[in-house]
mmCIF file of all heavy atoms, coordinates in Angstrom:
data_MODEL
# 
_entry.id   MODEL 
# 
loop_
_atom_site.group_PDB 
_atom_site.id 
_atom_site.type_symbol 
_atom_site.label_atom_id 
_atom_site.label_alt_id 
_atom_site.label_comp_id 
_atom_site.label_asym_id 
_atom_site.label_entity_id 
_atom_site.label_seq_id 
_atom_site.pdbx_PDB_ins_code 
_atom_site.Cartn_x 
_atom_site.Cartn_y 
_atom_site.Cartn_z 
_atom_site.occupancy 
_atom_site.B_iso_or_equiv 
_atom_site.pdbx_formal_charge 
_atom_site.auth_seq_id 
_atom_site.auth_comp_id 
_atom_site.auth_asym_id 
_atom_site.auth_atom_id 
_atom_site.pdbx_PDB_model_num 
ATOM 1   N N   . TYR A 1 1  ? 92.097 183.396 186.607 1.00 0.00 ? 1  TYR A N   1 
ATOM 2   C CA  . TYR A 1 1  ? 90.813 182.715 186.805 1.00 0.00 ? 1  TYR A CA  1 
ATOM 3   C C   . TYR A 1 1  ? 89.701 183.745 186.951 1.00 0.00 ? 1  TYR A C   1 
ATOM 4   O O   . TYR A 1 1  ? 89.869 184.772 187.600 1.00 0.00 ? 1  TYR A O   1 
ATOM 5   C CB  . TYR A 1 1  ? 90.877 181.851 188.064 1.00 0.00 ? 1  TYR A CB  1 
ATOM 6   C CG  . TYR A 1 1  ? 89.578 181.167 188.419 1.00 0.00 ? 1  TYR A CG  1 
ATOM 7   C CD1 . TYR A 1 1  ? 89.216 179.969 187.809 1.00 0.00 ? 1  TYR A CD1 1 
ATOM 8   C CD2 . TYR A 1 1  ? 88.711 181.714 189.365 1.00 0.00 ? 1  TYR A CD2 1 
ATOM 9   C CE1 . TYR A 1 1  ? 88.037 179.332 188.121 1.00 0.00 ? 1  TYR A CE1 1 
ATOM 10  C CE2 . TYR A 1 1  ? 87.523 181.082 189.686 1.00 0.00 ? 1  TYR A CE2 1 
ATOM 11  C CZ  . TYR A 1 1  ? 87.193 179.890 189.068 1.00 0.00 ? 1  TYR A CZ  1 
ATOM 12  O OH  . TYR A 1 1  ? 86.012 179.275 189.390 1.00 0.00 ? 1  TYR A OH  1 
ATOM 13  N N   . GLN A 1 2  ? 88.547 183.460 186.340 1.00 0.00 ? 2  GLN A N   1 
ATOM 14  C CA  . GLN A 1 2  ? 87.388 184.335 186.448 1.00 0.00 ? 2  GLN A CA  1 
ATOM 15  C C   . GLN A 1 2  ? 86.159 183.493 186.743 1.00 0.00 ? 2  GLN A C   1 
ATOM 16  O O   . GLN A 1 2  ? 85.770 182.655 185.935 1.00 0.00 ? 2  GLN A O   1 
ATOM 17  C CB  . GLN A 1 2  ? 87.165 185.122 185.154 1.00 0.00 ? 2  GLN A CB  1 
ATOM 18  C CG  . GLN A 1 2  ? 88.276 186.099 184.840 1.00 0.00 ? 2  GLN A CG  1 
ATOM 19  C CD  . GLN A 1 2  ? 88.057 186.754 183.482 1.00 0.00 ? 2  GLN A CD  1 
ATOM 20  O OE1 . GLN A 1 2  ? 88.341 186.190 182.444 1.00 0.00 ? 2  GLN A OE1 1 
ATOM 21  N NE2 . GLN A 1 2  ? 87.538 187.958 183.516 1.00 0.00 ? 2  GLN A NE2 1 
ATOM 22  N N   . ASP A 1 3  ? 85.538 183.709 187.903 1.00 0.00 ? 3  ASP A N   1 
ATOM 23  C CA  . ASP A 1 3  ? 84.358 182.936 188.286 1.00 0.00 ? 3  ASP A CA  1 
ATOM 24  C C   . ASP A 1 3  ? 83.239 183.078 187.267 1.00 0.00 ? 3  ASP A C   1 
ATOM 25  O O   . ASP A 1 3  ? 82.506 182.147 187.010 1.00 0.00 ? 3  ASP A O   1 
ATOM 26  C CB  . ASP A 1 3  ? 83.826 183.408 189.651 1.00 0.00 ? 3  ASP A CB  1 
ATOM 27  C CG  . ASP A 1 3  ? 84.571 182.742 190.794 1.00 0.00 ? 3  ASP A CG  1 
ATOM 28  O OD1 . ASP A 1 3  ? 84.816 181.527 190.710 1.00 0.00 ? 3  ASP A OD1 1 
ATOM 29  O OD2 . ASP A 1 3  ? 84.914 183.441 191.755 1.00 0.00 ? 3  ASP A OD2 1 
ATOM 30  N N   . SER A 1 4  ? 83.112 184.281 186.696 1.00 0.00 ? 4  SER A N   1 
ATOM 31  C CA  . SER A 1 4  ? 81.956 184.573 185.842 1.00 0.00 ? 4  SER A CA  1 
ATOM 32  C C   . SER A 1 4  ? 82.121 184.066 184.422 1.00 0.00 ? 4  SER A C   1 
ATOM 33  O O   . SER A 1 4  ? 81.203 184.161 183.633 1.00 0.00 ? 4  SER A O   1 
ATOM 34  C CB  . SER A 1 4  ? 81.696 186.086 185.802 1.00 0.00 ? 4  SER A CB  1 
ATOM 35  O OG  . SER A 1 4  ? 82.829 186.753 185.275 1.00 0.00 ? 4  SER A OG  1 
ATOM 36  N N   . LEU A 1 5  ? 83.289 183.493 184.081 1.00 0.00 ? 5  LEU A N   1 
ATOM 37  C CA  . LEU A 1 5  ? 83.559 183.177 182.686 1.00 0.00 ? 5  LEU A CA  1 
ATOM 38  C C   . LEU A 1 5  ? 82.504 182.289 182.037 1.00 0.00 ? 5  LEU A C   1 
ATOM 39  O O   . LEU A 1 5  ? 82.008 182.601 180.970 1.00 0.00 ? 5  LEU A O   1 
ATOM 40  C CB  . LEU A 1 5  ? 84.943 182.529 182.574 1.00 0.00 ? 5  LEU A CB  1 
ATOM 41  C CG  . LEU A 1 5  ? 85.604 182.578 181.210 1.00 0.00 ? 5  LEU A CG  1 
ATOM 42  C CD1 . LEU A 1 5  ? 85.731 183.999 180.716 1.00 0.00 ? 5  LEU A CD1 1 
ATOM 43  C CD2 . LEU A 1 5  ? 86.960 181.922 181.264 1.00 0.00 ? 5  LEU A CD2 1 
ATOM 44  N N   . PRO A 1 6  ? 82.090 181.154 182.678 1.00 0.00 ? 6  PRO A N   1 
ATOM 45  C CA  . PRO A 1 6  ? 81.124 180.310 181.982 1.00 0.00 ? 6  PRO A CA  1 
ATOM 46  C C   . PRO A 1 6  ? 79.679 180.743 182.120 1.00 0.00 ? 6  PRO A C   1 
ATOM 47  O O   . PRO A 1 6  ? 78.792 180.174 181.516 1.00 0.00 ? 6  PRO A O   1 
ATOM 48  C CB  . PRO A 1 6  ? 81.339 178.944 182.655 1.00 0.00 ? 6  PRO A CB  1 
ATOM 49  C CG  . PRO A 1 6  ? 81.786 179.281 184.028 1.00 0.00 ? 6  PRO A CG  1 
ATOM 50  C CD  . PRO A 1 6  ? 82.589 180.549 183.901 1.00 0.00 ? 6  PRO A CD  1 
ATOM 51  N N   . ILE A 1 7  ? 79.401 181.767 182.945 1.00 0.00 ? 7  ILE A N   1 
ATOM 52  C CA  . ILE A 1 7  ? 78.016 182.153 183.192 1.00 0.00 ? 7  ILE A CA  1 
ATOM 53  C C   . ILE A 1 7  ? 77.430 182.886 182.000 1.00 0.00 ? 7  ILE A C   1 
ATOM 54  O O   . ILE A 1 7  ? 76.285 182.702 181.634 1.00 0.00 ? 7  ILE A O   1 
ATOM 55  C CB  . ILE A 1 7  ? 77.941 183.038 184.468 1.00 0.00 ? 7  ILE A CB  1 
ATOM 56  C CG1 . ILE A 1 7  ? 78.381 182.214 185.682 1.00 0.00 ? 7  ILE A CG1 1 
ATOM 57  C CG2 . ILE A 1 7  ? 76.526 183.549 184.658 1.00 0.00 ? 7  ILE A CG2 1 
ATOM 58  C CD1 . ILE A 1 7  ? 78.429 183.004 186.966 1.00 0.00 ? 7  ILE A CD1 1 
ATOM 59  N N   . ARG A 1 8  ? 78.223 183.745 181.378 1.00 0.00 ? 8  ARG A N   1 
ATOM 60  C CA  . ARG A 1 8  ? 77.824 184.469 180.175 1.00 0.00 ? 8  ARG A CA  1 
ATOM 61  C C   . ARG A 1 8  ? 76.532 185.260 180.366 1.00 0.00 ? 8  ARG A C   1 
ATOM 62  O O   . ARG A 1 8  ? 75.579 185.124 179.616 1.00 0.00 ? 8  ARG A O   1 
ATOM 63  C CB  . ARG A 1 8  ? 77.691 183.525 178.981 1.00 0.00 ? 8  ARG A CB  1 
ATOM 64  C CG  . ARG A 1 8  ? 79.004 182.892 178.574 1.00 0.00 ? 8  ARG A CG  1 
ATOM 65  C CD  . ARG A 1 8  ? 78.838 182.062 177.328 1.00 0.00 ? 8  ARG A CD  1 
ATOM 66  N NE  . ARG A 1 8  ? 80.110 181.477 176.936 1.00 0.00 ? 8  ARG A NE  1 
ATOM 67  C CZ  . ARG A 1 8  ? 81.038 182.098 176.215 1.00 0.00 ? 8  ARG A CZ  1 
ATOM 68  N NH1 . ARG A 1 8  ? 80.816 183.320 175.806 1.00 0.00 ? 8  ARG A NH1 1 
ATOM 69  N NH2 . ARG A 1 8  ? 82.153 181.501 175.903 1.00 0.00 ? 8  ARG A NH2 1 
ATOM 70  N N   . LYS A 1 9  ? 76.492 186.047 181.436 1.00 0.00 ? 9  LYS A N   1 
ATOM 71  C CA  . LYS A 1 9  ? 75.357 186.957 181.591 1.00 0.00 ? 9  LYS A CA  1 
ATOM 72  C C   . LYS A 1 9  ? 75.466 188.080 180.568 1.00 0.00 ? 9  LYS A C   1 
ATOM 73  O O   . LYS A 1 9  ? 76.543 188.424 180.113 1.00 0.00 ? 9  LYS A O   1 
ATOM 74  C CB  . LYS A 1 9  ? 75.323 187.531 183.012 1.00 0.00 ? 9  LYS A CB  1 
ATOM 75  C CG  . LYS A 1 9  ? 74.874 186.520 184.055 1.00 0.00 ? 9  LYS A CG  1 
ATOM 76  C CD  . LYS A 1 9  ? 74.678 187.179 185.398 1.00 0.00 ? 9  LYS A CD  1 
ATOM 77  C CE  . LYS A 1 9  ? 74.184 186.180 186.416 1.00 0.00 ? 9  LYS A CE  1 
ATOM 78  N NZ  . LYS A 1 9  ? 72.845 185.681 186.108 1.00 0.00 ? 9  LYS A NZ  1 
ATOM 79  N N   . MET A 1 10 ? 74.332 188.651 180.223 1.00 0.00 ? 10 MET A N   1 
ATOM 80  C CA  . MET A 1 10 ? 74.296 189.683 179.209 1.00 0.00 ? 10 MET A CA  1 
ATOM 81  C C   . MET A 1 10 ? 74.060 191.052 179.844 1.00 0.00 ? 10 MET A C   1 
ATOM 82  O O   . MET A 1 10 ? 73.377 191.166 180.854 1.00 0.00 ? 10 MET A O   1 
ATOM 83  C CB  . MET A 1 10 ? 73.170 189.403 178.203 1.00 0.00 ? 10 MET A CB  1 
ATOM 84  C CG  . MET A 1 10 ? 73.329 188.070 177.493 1.00 0.00 ? 10 MET A CG  1 
ATOM 85  S SD  . MET A 1 10 ? 74.854 188.012 176.514 1.00 0.00 ? 10 MET A SD  1 
ATOM 86  C CE  . MET A 1 10 ? 74.767 186.332 175.903 1.00 0.00 ? 10 MET A CE  1 
ATOM 87  N N   . VAL A 1 11 ? 74.643 192.076 179.244 1.00 0.00 ? 11 VAL A N   1 
ATOM 88  C CA  . VAL A 1 11 ? 74.378 193.443 179.676 1.00 0.00 ? 11 VAL A CA  1 
ATOM 89  C C   . VAL A 1 11 ? 74.066 194.279 178.441 1.00 0.00 ? 11 VAL A C   1 
ATOM 90  O O   . VAL A 1 11 ? 74.524 193.987 177.345 1.00 0.00 ? 11 VAL A O   1 
ATOM 91  C CB  . VAL A 1 11 ? 75.570 194.061 180.443 1.00 0.00 ? 11 VAL A CB  1 
ATOM 92  C CG1 . VAL A 1 11 ? 75.788 193.366 181.754 1.00 0.00 ? 11 VAL A CG1 1 
ATOM 93  C CG2 . VAL A 1 11 ? 76.825 194.053 179.598 1.00 0.00 ? 11 VAL A CG2 1 
ATOM 94  N N   . ILE A 1 12 ? 73.239 195.298 178.647 1.00 0.00 ? 12 ILE A N   1 
ATOM 95  C CA  . ILE A 1 12 ? 72.867 196.202 177.562 1.00 0.00 ? 12 ILE A CA  1 
ATOM 96  C C   . ILE A 1 12 ? 73.419 197.577 177.868 1.00 0.00 ? 12 ILE A C   1 
ATOM 97  O O   . ILE A 1 12 ? 73.283 198.080 178.979 1.00 0.00 ? 12 ILE A O   1 
ATOM 98  C CB  . ILE A 1 12 ? 71.325 196.289 177.424 1.00 0.00 ? 12 ILE A CB  1 
ATOM 99  C CG1 . ILE A 1 12 ? 70.746 194.890 177.220 1.00 0.00 ? 12 ILE A CG1 1 
ATOM 100 C CG2 . ILE A 1 12 ? 70.955 197.194 176.252 1.00 0.00 ? 12 ILE A CG2 1 
ATOM 101 C CD1 . ILE A 1 12 ? 71.262 194.181 175.999 1.00 0.00 ? 12 ILE A CD1 1 
ATOM 102 N N   . GLN A 1 13 ? 74.067 198.192 176.898 1.00 0.00 ? 13 GLN A N   1 
ATOM 103 C CA  . GLN A 1 13 ? 74.655 199.504 177.078 1.00 0.00 ? 13 GLN A CA  1 
ATOM 104 C C   . GLN A 1 13 ? 73.630 200.601 176.788 1.00 0.00 ? 13 GLN A C   1 
ATOM 105 O O   . GLN A 1 13 ? 72.886 200.524 175.813 1.00 0.00 ? 13 GLN A O   1 
ATOM 106 C CB  . GLN A 1 13 ? 75.855 199.667 176.152 1.00 0.00 ? 13 GLN A CB  1 
ATOM 107 C CG  . GLN A 1 13 ? 76.608 200.981 176.352 1.00 0.00 ? 13 GLN A CG  1 
ATOM 108 C CD  . GLN A 1 13 ? 77.753 201.100 175.364 1.00 0.00 ? 13 GLN A CD  1 
ATOM 109 O OE1 . GLN A 1 13 ? 77.568 200.965 174.178 1.00 0.00 ? 13 GLN A OE1 1 
ATOM 110 N NE2 . GLN A 1 13 ? 78.944 201.351 175.871 1.00 0.00 ? 13 GLN A NE2 1 
ATOM 111 N N   . ASN A 1 14 ? 73.603 201.612 177.665 1.00 0.00 ? 14 ASN A N   1 
ATOM 112 C CA  . ASN A 1 14 ? 72.756 202.774 177.436 1.00 0.00 ? 14 ASN A CA  1 
ATOM 113 C C   . ASN A 1 14 ? 73.257 203.499 176.183 1.00 0.00 ? 14 ASN A C   1 
ATOM 114 O O   . ASN A 1 14 ? 74.414 203.897 176.125 1.00 0.00 ? 14 ASN A O   1 
ATOM 115 C CB  . ASN A 1 14 ? 72.821 203.703 178.653 1.00 0.00 ? 14 ASN A CB  1 
ATOM 116 C CG  . ASN A 1 14 ? 71.877 204.887 178.539 1.00 0.00 ? 14 ASN A CG  1 
ATOM 117 O OD1 . ASN A 1 14 ? 71.581 205.369 177.450 1.00 0.00 ? 14 ASN A OD1 1 
ATOM 118 N ND2 . ASN A 1 14 ? 71.402 205.369 179.671 1.00 0.00 ? 14 ASN A ND2 1 
ATOM 119 N N   . PRO A 1 15 ? 72.410 203.662 175.160 1.00 0.00 ? 15 PRO A N   1 
ATOM 120 C CA  . PRO A 1 15 ? 72.891 204.291 173.920 1.00 0.00 ? 15 PRO A CA  1 
ATOM 121 C C   . PRO A 1 15 ? 73.322 205.737 174.101 1.00 0.00 ? 15 PRO A C   1 
ATOM 122 O O   . PRO A 1 15 ? 74.053 206.279 173.275 1.00 0.00 ? 15 PRO A O   1 
ATOM 123 C CB  . PRO A 1 15 ? 71.687 204.177 172.981 1.00 0.00 ? 15 PRO A CB  1 
ATOM 124 C CG  . PRO A 1 15 ? 70.510 204.041 173.882 1.00 0.00 ? 15 PRO A CG  1 
ATOM 125 C CD  . PRO A 1 15 ? 70.994 203.286 175.084 1.00 0.00 ? 15 PRO A CD  1 
ATOM 126 N N   . ASN A 1 16 ? 72.891 206.380 175.196 1.00 0.00 ? 16 ASN A N   1 
ATOM 127 C CA  . ASN A 1 16 ? 73.245 207.778 175.442 1.00 0.00 ? 16 ASN A CA  1 
ATOM 128 C C   . ASN A 1 16 ? 74.390 207.942 176.429 1.00 0.00 ? 16 ASN A C   1 
ATOM 129 O O   . ASN A 1 16 ? 74.849 209.045 176.682 1.00 0.00 ? 16 ASN A O   1 
ATOM 130 C CB  . ASN A 1 16 ? 72.012 208.542 175.956 1.00 0.00 ? 16 ASN A CB  1 
ATOM 131 C CG  . ASN A 1 16 ? 70.875 208.530 174.950 1.00 0.00 ? 16 ASN A CG  1 
ATOM 132 O OD1 . ASN A 1 16 ? 71.103 208.717 173.755 1.00 0.00 ? 16 ASN A OD1 1 
ATOM 133 N ND2 . ASN A 1 16 ? 69.667 208.279 175.426 1.00 0.00 ? 16 ASN A ND2 1 
ATOM 134 N N   . ASP A 1 17 ? 74.822 206.830 177.056 1.00 0.00 ? 17 ASP A N   1 
ATOM 135 C CA  . ASP A 1 17 ? 75.890 206.900 178.044 1.00 0.00 ? 17 ASP A CA  1 
ATOM 136 C C   . ASP A 1 17 ? 76.643 205.583 177.998 1.00 0.00 ? 17 ASP A C   1 
ATOM 137 O O   . ASP A 1 17 ? 76.186 204.566 178.515 1.00 0.00 ? 17 ASP A O   1 
ATOM 138 C CB  . ASP A 1 17 ? 75.317 207.134 179.445 1.00 0.00 ? 17 ASP A CB  1 
ATOM 139 C CG  . ASP A 1 17 ? 76.406 207.252 180.513 1.00 0.00 ? 17 ASP A CG  1 
ATOM 140 O OD1 . ASP A 1 17 ? 77.592 207.087 180.172 1.00 0.00 ? 17 ASP A OD1 1 
ATOM 141 O OD2 . ASP A 1 17 ? 76.061 207.500 181.674 1.00 0.00 ? 17 ASP A OD2 1 
ATOM 142 N N   . SER A 1 18 ? 77.826 205.572 177.375 1.00 0.00 ? 18 SER A N   1 
ATOM 143 C CA  . SER A 1 18 ? 78.566 204.327 177.169 1.00 0.00 ? 18 SER A CA  1 
ATOM 144 C C   . SER A 1 18 ? 79.053 203.718 178.480 1.00 0.00 ? 18 SER A C   1 
ATOM 145 O O   . SER A 1 18 ? 79.436 202.551 178.518 1.00 0.00 ? 18 SER A O   1 
ATOM 146 C CB  . SER A 1 18 ? 79.760 204.573 176.248 1.00 0.00 ? 18 SER A CB  1 
ATOM 147 O OG  . SER A 1 18 ? 80.647 205.517 176.832 1.00 0.00 ? 18 SER A OG  1 
ATOM 148 N N   . ASN A 1 19 ? 79.065 204.487 179.574 1.00 0.00 ? 19 ASN A N   1 
ATOM 149 C CA  . ASN A 1 19 ? 79.509 203.963 180.865 1.00 0.00 ? 19 ASN A CA  1 
ATOM 150 C C   . ASN A 1 19 ? 78.383 203.348 181.679 1.00 0.00 ? 19 ASN A C   1 
ATOM 151 O O   . ASN A 1 19 ? 78.616 202.811 182.754 1.00 0.00 ? 19 ASN A O   1 
ATOM 152 C CB  . ASN A 1 19 ? 80.170 205.078 181.692 1.00 0.00 ? 19 ASN A CB  1 
ATOM 153 C CG  . ASN A 1 19 ? 81.451 205.567 181.048 1.00 0.00 ? 19 ASN A CG  1 
ATOM 154 O OD1 . ASN A 1 19 ? 82.255 204.769 180.576 1.00 0.00 ? 19 ASN A OD1 1 
ATOM 155 N ND2 . ASN A 1 19 ? 81.639 206.872 181.028 1.00 0.00 ? 19 ASN A ND2 1 
ATOM 156 N N   . GLN A 1 20 ? 77.148 203.434 181.199 1.00 0.00 ? 20 GLN A N   1 
ATOM 157 C CA  . GLN A 1 20 ? 76.009 202.901 181.929 1.00 0.00 ? 20 GLN A CA  1 
ATOM 158 C C   . GLN A 1 20 ? 75.537 201.615 181.263 1.00 0.00 ? 20 GLN A C   1 
ATOM 159 O O   . GLN A 1 20 ? 75.207 201.589 180.089 1.00 0.00 ? 20 GLN A O   1 
ATOM 160 C CB  . GLN A 1 20 ? 74.861 203.912 181.969 1.00 0.00 ? 20 GLN A CB  1 
ATOM 161 C CG  . GLN A 1 20 ? 73.672 203.442 182.819 1.00 0.00 ? 20 GLN A CG  1 
ATOM 162 C CD  . GLN A 1 20 ? 72.585 204.493 182.925 1.00 0.00 ? 20 GLN A CD  1 
ATOM 163 O OE1 . GLN A 1 20 ? 72.656 205.521 182.242 1.00 0.00 ? 20 GLN A OE1 1 
ATOM 164 N NE2 . GLN A 1 20 ? 71.598 204.254 183.751 1.00 0.00 ? 20 GLN A NE2 1 
ATOM 165 N N   . LEU A 1 21 ? 75.535 200.526 182.048 1.00 0.00 ? 21 LEU A N   1 
ATOM 166 C CA  . LEU A 1 21 ? 75.151 199.226 181.538 1.00 0.00 ? 21 LEU A CA  1 
ATOM 167 C C   . LEU A 1 21 ? 73.979 198.671 182.331 1.00 0.00 ? 21 LEU A C   1 
ATOM 168 O O   . LEU A 1 21 ? 73.895 198.864 183.541 1.00 0.00 ? 21 LEU A O   1 
ATOM 169 C CB  . LEU A 1 21 ? 76.323 198.244 181.613 1.00 0.00 ? 21 LEU A CB  1 
ATOM 170 C CG  . LEU A 1 21 ? 77.595 198.647 180.873 1.00 0.00 ? 21 LEU A CG  1 
ATOM 171 C CD1 . LEU A 1 21 ? 78.700 197.644 181.147 1.00 0.00 ? 21 LEU A CD1 1 
ATOM 172 C CD2 . LEU A 1 21 ? 77.349 198.741 179.383 1.00 0.00 ? 21 LEU A CD2 1 
ATOM 173 N N   . TYR A 1 22 ? 73.072 197.983 181.658 1.00 0.00 ? 22 TYR A N   1 
ATOM 174 C CA  . TYR A 1 22 ? 71.971 197.303 182.302 1.00 0.00 ? 22 TYR A CA  1 
ATOM 175 C C   . TYR A 1 22 ? 72.277 195.813 182.342 1.00 0.00 ? 22 TYR A C   1 
ATOM 176 O O   . TYR A 1 22 ? 72.578 195.205 181.324 1.00 0.00 ? 22 TYR A O   1 
ATOM 177 C CB  . TYR A 1 22 ? 70.664 197.524 181.531 1.00 0.00 ? 22 TYR A CB  1 
ATOM 178 C CG  . TYR A 1 22 ? 70.253 198.969 181.409 1.00 0.00 ? 22 TYR A CG  1 
ATOM 179 C CD1 . TYR A 1 22 ? 70.399 199.646 180.198 1.00 0.00 ? 22 TYR A CD1 1 
ATOM 180 C CD2 . TYR A 1 22 ? 69.726 199.656 182.496 1.00 0.00 ? 22 TYR A CD2 1 
ATOM 181 C CE1 . TYR A 1 22 ? 70.019 200.966 180.073 1.00 0.00 ? 22 TYR A CE1 1 
ATOM 182 C CE2 . TYR A 1 22 ? 69.352 200.983 182.371 1.00 0.00 ? 22 TYR A CE2 1 
ATOM 183 C CZ  . TYR A 1 22 ? 69.495 201.631 181.165 1.00 0.00 ? 22 TYR A CZ  1 
ATOM 184 O OH  . TYR A 1 22 ? 69.117 202.936 181.052 1.00 0.00 ? 22 TYR A OH  1 
ATOM 185 N N   . SER A 1 23 ? 72.208 195.208 183.524 1.00 0.00 ? 23 SER A N   1 
ATOM 186 C CA  . SER A 1 23 ? 72.473 193.785 183.654 1.00 0.00 ? 23 SER A CA  1 
ATOM 187 C C   . SER A 1 23 ? 71.179 193.004 183.488 1.00 0.00 ? 23 SER A C   1 
ATOM 188 O O   . SER A 1 23 ? 70.161 193.333 184.083 1.00 0.00 ? 23 SER A O   1 
ATOM 189 C CB  . SER A 1 23 ? 73.078 193.475 185.029 1.00 0.00 ? 23 SER A CB  1 
ATOM 190 O OG  . SER A 1 23 ? 73.323 192.098 185.154 1.00 0.00 ? 23 SER A OG  1 
ATOM 191 N N   . LEU A 1 24 ? 71.228 191.943 182.655 1.00 0.00 ? 24 LEU A N   1 
ATOM 192 C CA  . LEU A 1 24 ? 70.049 191.154 182.368 1.00 0.00 ? 24 LEU A CA  1 
ATOM 193 C C   . LEU A 1 24 ? 70.262 189.698 182.763 1.00 0.00 ? 24 LEU A C   1 
ATOM 194 O O   . LEU A 1 24 ? 71.357 189.289 183.140 1.00 0.00 ? 24 LEU A O   1 
ATOM 195 C CB  . LEU A 1 24 ? 69.714 191.233 180.866 1.00 0.00 ? 24 LEU A CB  1 
ATOM 196 C CG  . LEU A 1 24 ? 69.527 192.644 180.305 1.00 0.00 ? 24 LEU A CG  1 
ATOM 197 C CD1 . LEU A 1 24 ? 69.258 192.559 178.813 1.00 0.00 ? 24 LEU A CD1 1 
ATOM 198 C CD2 . LEU A 1 24 ? 68.384 193.349 181.005 1.00 0.00 ? 24 LEU A CD2 1 
ATOM 199 N N   . SER A 1 25 ? 69.224 188.922 182.665 1.00 0.00 ? 25 SER A N   1 
ATOM 200 C CA  . SER A 1 25 ? 69.287 187.511 183.020 1.00 0.00 ? 25 SER A CA  1 
ATOM 201 C C   . SER A 1 25 ? 70.096 186.722 181.994 1.00 0.00 ? 25 SER A C   1 
ATOM 202 O O   . SER A 1 25 ? 70.432 187.217 180.926 1.00 0.00 ? 25 SER A O   1 
ATOM 203 C CB  . SER A 1 25 ? 67.872 186.943 183.093 1.00 0.00 ? 25 SER A CB  1 
ATOM 204 O OG  . SER A 1 25 ? 67.083 187.663 184.002 1.00 0.00 ? 25 SER A OG  1 
ATOM 205 N N   . ASP A 1 26 ? 70.373 185.447 182.334 1.00 0.00 ? 26 ASP A N   1 
ATOM 206 C CA  . ASP A 1 26 ? 71.047 184.568 181.380 1.00 0.00 ? 26 ASP A CA  1 
ATOM 207 C C   . ASP A 1 26 ? 70.218 184.434 180.108 1.00 0.00 ? 26 ASP A C   1 
ATOM 208 O O   . ASP A 1 26 ? 68.999 184.448 180.142 1.00 0.00 ? 26 ASP A O   1 
ATOM 209 C CB  . ASP A 1 26 ? 71.229 183.171 181.983 1.00 0.00 ? 26 ASP A CB  1 
ATOM 210 C CG  . ASP A 1 26 ? 72.179 183.179 183.171 1.00 0.00 ? 26 ASP A CG  1 
ATOM 211 O OD1 . ASP A 1 26 ? 72.846 184.198 183.377 1.00 0.00 ? 26 ASP A OD1 1 
ATOM 212 O OD2 . ASP A 1 26 ? 72.232 182.159 183.881 1.00 0.00 ? 26 ASP A OD2 1 
ATOM 213 N N   . ASN A 1 27 ? 70.884 184.242 178.989 1.00 0.00 ? 27 ASN A N   1 
ATOM 214 C CA  . ASN A 1 27 ? 70.228 183.944 177.706 1.00 0.00 ? 27 ASN A CA  1 
ATOM 215 C C   . ASN A 1 27 ? 69.155 184.964 177.342 1.00 0.00 ? 27 ASN A C   1 
ATOM 216 O O   . ASN A 1 27 ? 68.044 184.632 176.938 1.00 0.00 ? 27 ASN A O   1 
ATOM 217 C CB  . ASN A 1 27 ? 69.597 182.551 177.741 1.00 0.00 ? 27 ASN A CB  1 
ATOM 218 C CG  . ASN A 1 27 ? 70.600 181.493 178.108 1.00 0.00 ? 27 ASN A CG  1 
ATOM 219 O OD1 . ASN A 1 27 ? 71.729 181.548 177.656 1.00 0.00 ? 27 ASN A OD1 1 
ATOM 220 N ND2 . ASN A 1 27 ? 70.212 180.568 178.938 1.00 0.00 ? 27 ASN A ND2 1 
ATOM 221 N N   . THR A 1 28 ? 69.447 186.233 177.543 1.00 0.00 ? 28 THR A N   1 
ATOM 222 C CA  . THR A 1 28 ? 68.446 187.277 177.316 1.00 0.00 ? 28 THR A CA  1 
ATOM 223 C C   . THR A 1 28 ? 68.497 187.794 175.884 1.00 0.00 ? 28 THR A C   1 
ATOM 224 O O   . THR A 1 28 ? 69.560 188.025 175.341 1.00 0.00 ? 28 THR A O   1 
ATOM 225 C CB  . THR A 1 28 ? 68.677 188.449 178.291 1.00 0.00 ? 28 THR A CB  1 
ATOM 226 O OG1 . THR A 1 28 ? 68.551 187.948 179.615 1.00 0.00 ? 28 THR A OG1 1 
ATOM 227 C CG2 . THR A 1 28 ? 67.650 189.541 178.077 1.00 0.00 ? 28 THR A CG2 1 
ATOM 228 N N   . LEU A 1 29 ? 67.324 188.014 175.317 1.00 0.00 ? 29 LEU A N   1 
ATOM 229 C CA  . LEU A 1 29 ? 67.217 188.613 173.994 1.00 0.00 ? 29 LEU A CA  1 
ATOM 230 C C   . LEU A 1 29 ? 66.622 190.001 174.124 1.00 0.00 ? 29 LEU A C   1 
ATOM 231 O O   . LEU A 1 29 ? 65.839 190.269 175.015 1.00 0.00 ? 29 LEU A O   1 
ATOM 232 C CB  . LEU A 1 29 ? 66.282 187.786 173.094 1.00 0.00 ? 29 LEU A CB  1 
ATOM 233 C CG  . LEU A 1 29 ? 66.523 186.287 173.029 1.00 0.00 ? 29 LEU A CG  1 
ATOM 234 C CD1 . LEU A 1 29 ? 65.490 185.660 172.099 1.00 0.00 ? 29 LEU A CD1 1 
ATOM 235 C CD2 . LEU A 1 29 ? 67.912 186.005 172.535 1.00 0.00 ? 29 LEU A CD2 1 
ATOM 236 N N   . ILE A 1 30 ? 66.984 190.893 173.204 1.00 0.00 ? 30 ILE A N   1 
ATOM 237 C CA  . ILE A 1 30 ? 66.326 192.188 173.141 1.00 0.00 ? 30 ILE A CA  1 
ATOM 238 C C   . ILE A 1 30 ? 65.061 192.038 172.303 1.00 0.00 ? 30 ILE A C   1 
ATOM 239 O O   . ILE A 1 30 ? 65.096 191.496 171.209 1.00 0.00 ? 30 ILE A O   1 
ATOM 240 C CB  . ILE A 1 30 ? 67.234 193.240 172.496 1.00 0.00 ? 30 ILE A CB  1 
ATOM 241 C CG1 . ILE A 1 30 ? 68.538 193.348 173.279 1.00 0.00 ? 30 ILE A CG1 1 
ATOM 242 C CG2 . ILE A 1 30 ? 66.541 194.584 172.415 1.00 0.00 ? 30 ILE A CG2 1 
ATOM 243 C CD1 . ILE A 1 30 ? 69.550 194.225 172.605 1.00 0.00 ? 30 ILE A CD1 1 
ATOM 244 N N   . HIS A 1 31 ? 63.954 192.522 172.829 1.00 0.00 ? 31 HIS A N   1 
ATOM 245 C CA  . HIS A 1 31 ? 62.705 192.503 172.067 1.00 0.00 ? 31 HIS A CA  1 
ATOM 246 C C   . HIS A 1 31 ? 62.621 193.810 171.291 1.00 0.00 ? 31 HIS A C   1 
ATOM 247 O O   . HIS A 1 31 ? 62.265 194.845 171.832 1.00 0.00 ? 31 HIS A O   1 
ATOM 248 C CB  . HIS A 1 31 ? 61.521 192.357 173.027 1.00 0.00 ? 31 HIS A CB  1 
ATOM 249 C CG  . HIS A 1 31 ? 60.208 192.207 172.319 1.00 0.00 ? 31 HIS A CG  1 
ATOM 250 N ND1 . HIS A 1 31 ? 59.016 192.150 172.979 1.00 0.00 ? 31 HIS A ND1 1 
ATOM 251 C CD2 . HIS A 1 31 ? 59.891 192.077 171.012 1.00 0.00 ? 31 HIS A CD2 1 
ATOM 252 C CE1 . HIS A 1 31 ? 58.029 192.012 172.125 1.00 0.00 ? 31 HIS A CE1 1 
ATOM 253 N NE2 . HIS A 1 31 ? 58.544 191.966 170.925 1.00 0.00 ? 31 HIS A NE2 1 
# 
């Protein structure tokens, strides 16, 4: 079981560091 499964939050990966992620709001688009 995973609580977060239906939430589907988005994260963006730092292009210079694959281990660094930015957490964003639900239904987020990159501008």
